[in-house]
Amino acid sequence: MSNSVRNKVPLLLILICSILIGREESCFALSQEKVILTTHNLYPYGSYPTEDRQKMIADETFKGVAVDRVRCVFKKMDIPLEIQVVPWRRAQRLVQQGLAEGFFAASQKDSRDEYAVKSAVIADQKWNWYLLKGNPLSPEDQSFKESATVGGFLGANMLEWMKEHNYNVTTTPKDTEGLLKMLLAGRVDAVMANNYVMQALLEKHEAEDRVKIYLNMNKPLSVYFSKKFVKSQPMFIDNFNNLIPECSL
């Protein structure tokens, strides 16, 4: 049981509460002090406006399409929420270790399914290949997998996908910006990245005209809640999913 989940109310009491007041989510809020979710600083899903203001415990300046939607749902459920902003690999590890109830925004992955339950979609995502325009290689060619050097950032689902599909992964920086810098420097043939994140970085580095883009697949994003948490609060995940449409931006 994680440190944040205390004062457990037996399921029978929550059921009685929901019958009496007609709101299961409010009864759930009575059963614990707060829920801790982890994420990373990643525009446009959740980010700080400037690098010098980053804090581990997200404040009101930490905003984005995913974090705003998650906050909206928790507000409607009347459940206190704490969001911790940490490196992506650590965000997932904290949930595995029982130190947080969930992490976001994450795409489906079999290894994540082993210890957590995926919510309904909270944000869209495309996995795109990015290559320099002068590079003759193409992900659409059968020879690409054997001949191209590729990269993905640490902790990313797409990095594991490339490894599982036997791509020649030669670089694994800590974030997408590191990937772009390596691509622009010619240190790797291609990188795979989130379309929204990379687009913002291309604009930042004024490099939109230097790359060519190939769609790999659509991979929508969700919140992964630990199985231990979901088991302890069996009504939570359905309530959370049902409220997501009400928080669409």
Protein backbone atom coordinates (compact mmCIF):
# COMPACT_ATOMS: atom_id res chain seq x y z
CA MET A 1 0.00 0.00 0.00
CA SER A 2 1.45 3.41 -0.96
CA ASN A 3 2.15 6.04 1.65
CA SER A 4 -0.47 8.38 0.17
CA VAL A 5 -3.37 5.99 0.58
CA ARG A 6 -4.49 5.99 4.18
CA ASN A 7 -7.63 5.75 6.25
CA LYS A 8 -9.12 3.01 4.07
CA VAL A 9 -12.86 2.80 4.28
CA PRO A 10 -14.22 -0.70 3.76
CA LEU A 11 -15.95 -1.22 0.44
CA LEU A 12 -19.27 -1.87 2.20
CA LEU A 13 -19.17 1.58 3.81
CA ILE A 14 -18.45 3.24 0.47
CA LEU A 15 -21.38 1.38 -1.10
CA ILE A 16 -23.67 2.49 1.72
CA CYS A 17 -22.41 6.05 1.32
CA SER A 18 -23.07 6.02 -2.43
CA ILE A 19 -26.64 4.80 -1.85
CA LEU A 20 -27.28 7.52 0.70
CA ILE A 21 -25.84 10.51 -1.18
CA GLY A 22 -25.95 9.24 -4.75
CA ARG A 23 -22.34 10.02 -5.68
CA GLU A 24 -19.83 7.21 -5.64
CA GLU A 25 -16.93 9.54 -6.41
CA SER A 26 -17.66 11.69 -3.34
CA CYS A 27 -17.75 8.57 -1.19
CA PHE A 28 -14.43 7.52 -2.64
CA ALA A 29 -12.96 10.86 -1.60
CA LEU A 30 -13.85 10.02 1.99
CA SER A 31 -11.65 6.93 1.86
CA GLN A 32 -8.24 8.56 1.49
CA GLU A 33 -6.32 11.80 1.87
CA LYS A 34 -4.98 12.16 -1.68
CA VAL A 35 -3.89 10.38 -4.82
CA ILE A 36 -0.33 10.78 -6.10
CA LEU A 37 0.22 10.66 -9.85
CA THR A 38 3.60 11.01 -11.53
CA THR A 39 4.44 12.53 -14.89
CA HIS A 40 7.29 14.31 -16.65
CA ASN A 41 7.84 17.81 -17.98
CA LEU A 42 6.70 17.37 -21.58
CA TYR A 43 4.95 19.96 -23.74
CA PRO A 44 2.07 19.95 -24.71
CA TYR A 45 0.87 17.28 -22.26
CA GLY A 46 2.18 18.91 -19.10
CA SER A 47 5.00 21.40 -18.73
CA TYR A 48 6.32 24.41 -16.88
CA PRO A 49 6.54 27.73 -18.76
CA THR A 50 10.27 28.09 -18.10
CA GLU A 51 13.03 25.68 -17.10
CA ASP A 52 14.09 27.72 -14.05
CA ARG A 53 10.67 27.34 -12.39
CA GLN A 54 10.41 23.57 -12.44
CA LYS A 55 9.31 21.93 -9.19
CA MET A 56 8.88 18.28 -8.25
CA ILE A 57 5.40 18.88 -6.83
CA ALA A 58 3.43 20.46 -9.67
CA ASP A 59 1.99 23.89 -8.98
CA GLU A 60 -0.56 25.94 -10.92
CA THR A 61 2.03 26.88 -13.56
CA PHE A 62 2.37 23.25 -14.65
CA LYS A 63 -0.18 22.98 -17.46
CA GLY A 64 -0.95 21.01 -20.61
CA VAL A 65 -3.64 19.04 -22.42
CA ALA A 66 -3.12 15.88 -20.36
CA VAL A 67 -2.51 17.37 -16.92
CA ASP A 68 -5.42 19.81 -17.30
CA ARG A 69 -7.77 16.96 -18.17
CA VAL A 70 -6.57 14.80 -15.28
CA ARG A 71 -6.98 17.67 -12.84
CA CYS A 72 -10.48 18.35 -14.17
CA VAL A 73 -11.55 14.72 -13.62
CA PHE A 74 -10.17 14.62 -10.08
CA LYS A 75 -11.91 17.90 -9.29
CA LYS A 76 -15.23 16.48 -10.49
CA MET A 77 -14.60 13.37 -8.37
CA ASP A 78 -13.79 15.60 -5.40
CA ILE A 79 -10.54 13.73 -4.76
CA PRO A 80 -7.36 15.55 -3.65
CA LEU A 81 -4.58 15.11 -6.21
CA GLU A 82 -0.82 15.55 -6.03
CA ILE A 83 1.18 15.49 -9.27
CA GLN A 84 4.90 14.78 -9.06
CA VAL A 85 7.06 15.89 -12.00
CA VAL A 86 10.08 13.61 -12.40
CA PRO A 87 12.07 11.95 -15.21
CA TRP A 88 9.86 9.56 -17.18
CA ARG A 89 11.59 6.32 -16.15
CA ARG A 90 11.33 7.34 -12.50
CA ALA A 91 7.67 8.28 -12.92
CA GLN A 92 6.91 4.69 -13.89
CA ARG A 93 9.24 3.16 -11.32
CA LEU A 94 7.57 5.05 -8.45
CA VAL A 95 4.28 3.38 -9.34
CA GLN A 96 5.93 -0.04 -9.55
CA GLN A 97 7.41 0.55 -6.10
CA GLY A 98 4.05 1.55 -4.62
CA LEU A 99 5.12 5.15 -3.97
CA ALA A 100 2.48 6.61 -6.29
CA GLU A 101 -0.95 5.50 -7.50
CA GLY A 102 -0.42 6.11 -11.21
CA PHE A 103 1.53 7.80 -14.01
CA PHE A 104 0.61 9.66 -17.19
CA ALA A 105 0.46 10.36 -20.09
CA ALA A 106 1.36 6.85 -21.29
CA SER A 107 0.61 4.63 -24.26
CA GLN A 108 -0.25 0.95 -23.99
CA LYS A 109 2.66 -1.37 -23.25
CA ASP A 110 2.56 -5.01 -22.17
CA SER A 111 5.09 -4.55 -19.38
CA ARG A 112 3.02 -1.67 -17.96
CA ASP A 113 -0.11 -3.83 -18.10
CA GLU A 114 1.58 -6.26 -15.73
CA TYR A 115 1.44 -3.88 -12.77
CA ALA A 116 -1.07 -1.19 -13.77
CA VAL A 117 -4.47 -0.63 -15.39
CA LYS A 118 -4.84 1.80 -18.29
CA SER A 119 -7.60 4.41 -18.24
CA ALA A 120 -9.57 5.63 -21.22
CA VAL A 121 -7.73 7.97 -23.58
CA ILE A 122 -6.84 11.41 -22.21
CA ALA A 123 -4.77 12.71 -25.17
CA ASP A 124 -3.83 11.86 -28.74
CA GLN A 125 -0.36 10.90 -29.92
CA LYS A 126 1.36 9.82 -33.13
CA TRP A 127 4.70 8.04 -33.31
CA ASN A 128 6.62 9.64 -36.17
CA TRP A 129 9.99 8.95 -37.74
CA TYR A 130 12.20 12.02 -38.29
CA LEU A 131 15.14 12.07 -40.72
CA LEU A 132 17.25 14.86 -42.20
CA LYS A 133 16.02 15.76 -45.67
CA GLY A 134 19.39 14.94 -47.21
CA ASN A 135 19.31 11.39 -45.89
CA PRO A 136 18.36 8.95 -48.70
CA LEU A 137 16.97 6.36 -46.27
CA SER A 138 13.23 5.89 -45.77
CA PRO A 139 11.33 3.96 -43.05
CA GLU A 140 9.05 2.75 -45.84
CA ASP A 141 11.89 0.72 -47.39
CA GLN A 142 12.50 -2.86 -46.28
CA SER A 143 16.23 -2.16 -45.92
CA PHE A 144 15.66 0.63 -43.39
CA LYS A 145 15.64 -1.62 -40.34
CA GLU A 146 19.03 -3.11 -41.17
CA SER A 147 20.80 -0.05 -42.55
CA ALA A 148 19.57 2.90 -40.46
CA THR A 149 20.88 3.95 -37.06
CA VAL A 150 17.95 5.10 -34.93
CA GLY A 151 17.25 6.56 -31.51
CA GLY A 152 14.59 7.01 -28.84
CA PHE A 153 14.67 8.58 -25.39
CA LEU A 154 15.08 6.61 -22.17
CA GLY A 155 11.88 5.25 -20.67
CA ALA A 156 9.87 5.82 -23.83
CA ASN A 157 7.50 3.13 -25.05
CA MET A 158 8.66 3.80 -28.62
CA LEU A 159 12.27 3.01 -27.65
CA GLU A 160 11.23 -0.40 -26.37
CA TRP A 161 9.17 -0.93 -29.51
CA MET A 162 12.20 -0.27 -31.72
CA LYS A 163 14.31 -2.69 -29.72
CA GLU A 164 11.62 -5.38 -29.79
CA HIS A 165 11.37 -5.01 -33.58
CA ASN A 166 15.14 -5.27 -34.03
CA TYR A 167 15.93 -1.76 -35.17
CA ASN A 168 19.55 -0.64 -34.87
CA VAL A 169 19.20 1.60 -31.81
CA THR A 170 22.43 3.52 -31.25
CA THR A 171 21.40 6.50 -29.15
CA THR A 172 19.14 6.87 -26.09
CA PRO A 173 19.23 10.42 -24.66
CA LYS A 174 17.13 11.44 -21.68
CA ASP A 175 14.49 13.35 -23.65
CA THR A 176 13.12 14.27 -27.07
CA GLU A 177 15.19 17.44 -27.31
CA GLY A 178 18.31 15.33 -26.94
CA LEU A 179 17.07 13.18 -29.82
CA LEU A 180 16.57 16.18 -32.05
CA LYS A 181 20.01 17.57 -31.29
CA MET A 182 21.61 14.25 -32.22
CA LEU A 183 19.59 14.09 -35.43
CA LEU A 184 20.52 17.63 -36.45
CA ALA A 185 24.17 16.90 -35.70
CA GLY A 186 24.08 13.88 -37.99
CA ARG A 187 24.88 11.43 -35.21
CA VAL A 188 21.91 9.20 -36.06
CA ASP A 189 19.93 8.51 -39.24
CA ALA A 190 16.46 8.66 -37.74
CA VAL A 191 14.66 9.20 -34.46
CA MET A 192 11.15 8.26 -33.40
CA ALA A 193 9.21 10.79 -31.37
CA ASN A 194 5.81 12.10 -30.36
CA ASN A 195 4.43 14.34 -33.10
CA TYR A 196 3.34 17.22 -30.85
CA VAL A 197 6.51 17.23 -28.77
CA MET A 198 8.84 17.11 -31.76
CA GLN A 199 6.90 19.76 -33.66
CA ALA A 200 7.32 22.19 -30.78
CA LEU A 201 11.05 21.43 -30.62
CA LEU A 202 11.50 21.83 -34.37
CA GLU A 203 9.92 25.28 -34.11
CA LYS A 204 12.09 26.13 -31.10
CA HIS A 205 15.28 25.18 -32.97
CA GLU A 206 14.05 26.64 -36.27
CA ALA A 207 14.64 23.28 -37.92
CA GLU A 208 11.27 22.51 -39.52
CA ASP A 209 12.74 22.79 -43.02
CA ARG A 210 15.60 20.41 -42.24
CA VAL A 211 13.65 17.22 -41.57
CA LYS A 212 11.29 14.84 -43.34
CA ILE A 213 8.55 13.06 -41.40
CA TYR A 214 7.00 9.60 -41.71
CA LEU A 215 4.03 8.39 -39.68
CA ASN A 216 4.74 5.13 -37.88
CA MET A 217 1.53 4.60 -35.87
CA ASN A 218 -1.16 6.19 -33.70
CA LYS A 219 -0.58 5.58 -29.97
CA PRO A 220 -3.14 7.43 -27.79
CA LEU A 221 -2.24 8.29 -24.22
CA SER A 222 -3.89 7.36 -20.92
CA VAL A 223 -3.29 7.28 -17.18
CA TYR A 224 -1.89 4.02 -15.81
CA PHE A 225 -3.19 3.32 -12.29
CA SER A 226 -1.45 0.64 -10.23
CA LYS A 227 -3.33 -2.64 -9.89
CA LYS A 228 -2.99 -2.43 -6.12
CA PHE A 229 -4.71 0.96 -6.10
CA VAL A 230 -7.48 -0.15 -8.48
CA LYS A 231 -8.11 -3.26 -6.40
CA SER A 232 -8.40 -1.18 -3.23
CA GLN A 233 -10.82 1.25 -4.93
CA PRO A 234 -12.88 -0.91 -7.33
CA MET A 235 -15.27 1.87 -8.39
CA PHE A 236 -12.55 4.40 -9.15
CA ILE A 237 -11.48 3.50 -12.69
CA ASP A 238 -15.03 3.44 -14.09
CA ASN A 239 -15.84 6.77 -12.46
CA PHE A 240 -12.60 8.26 -13.81
CA ASN A 241 -13.25 7.04 -17.35
CA ASN A 242 -16.87 8.20 -17.35
CA LEU A 243 -15.83 11.75 -16.46
CA ILE A 244 -13.10 12.15 -19.09
CA PRO A 245 -15.54 13.30 -21.83
CA GLU A 246 -16.79 16.05 -19.50
CA CYS A 247 -13.23 17.35 -19.30
CA SER A 248 -12.52 17.47 -23.01
CA LEU A 249 -10.82 20.70 -24.02
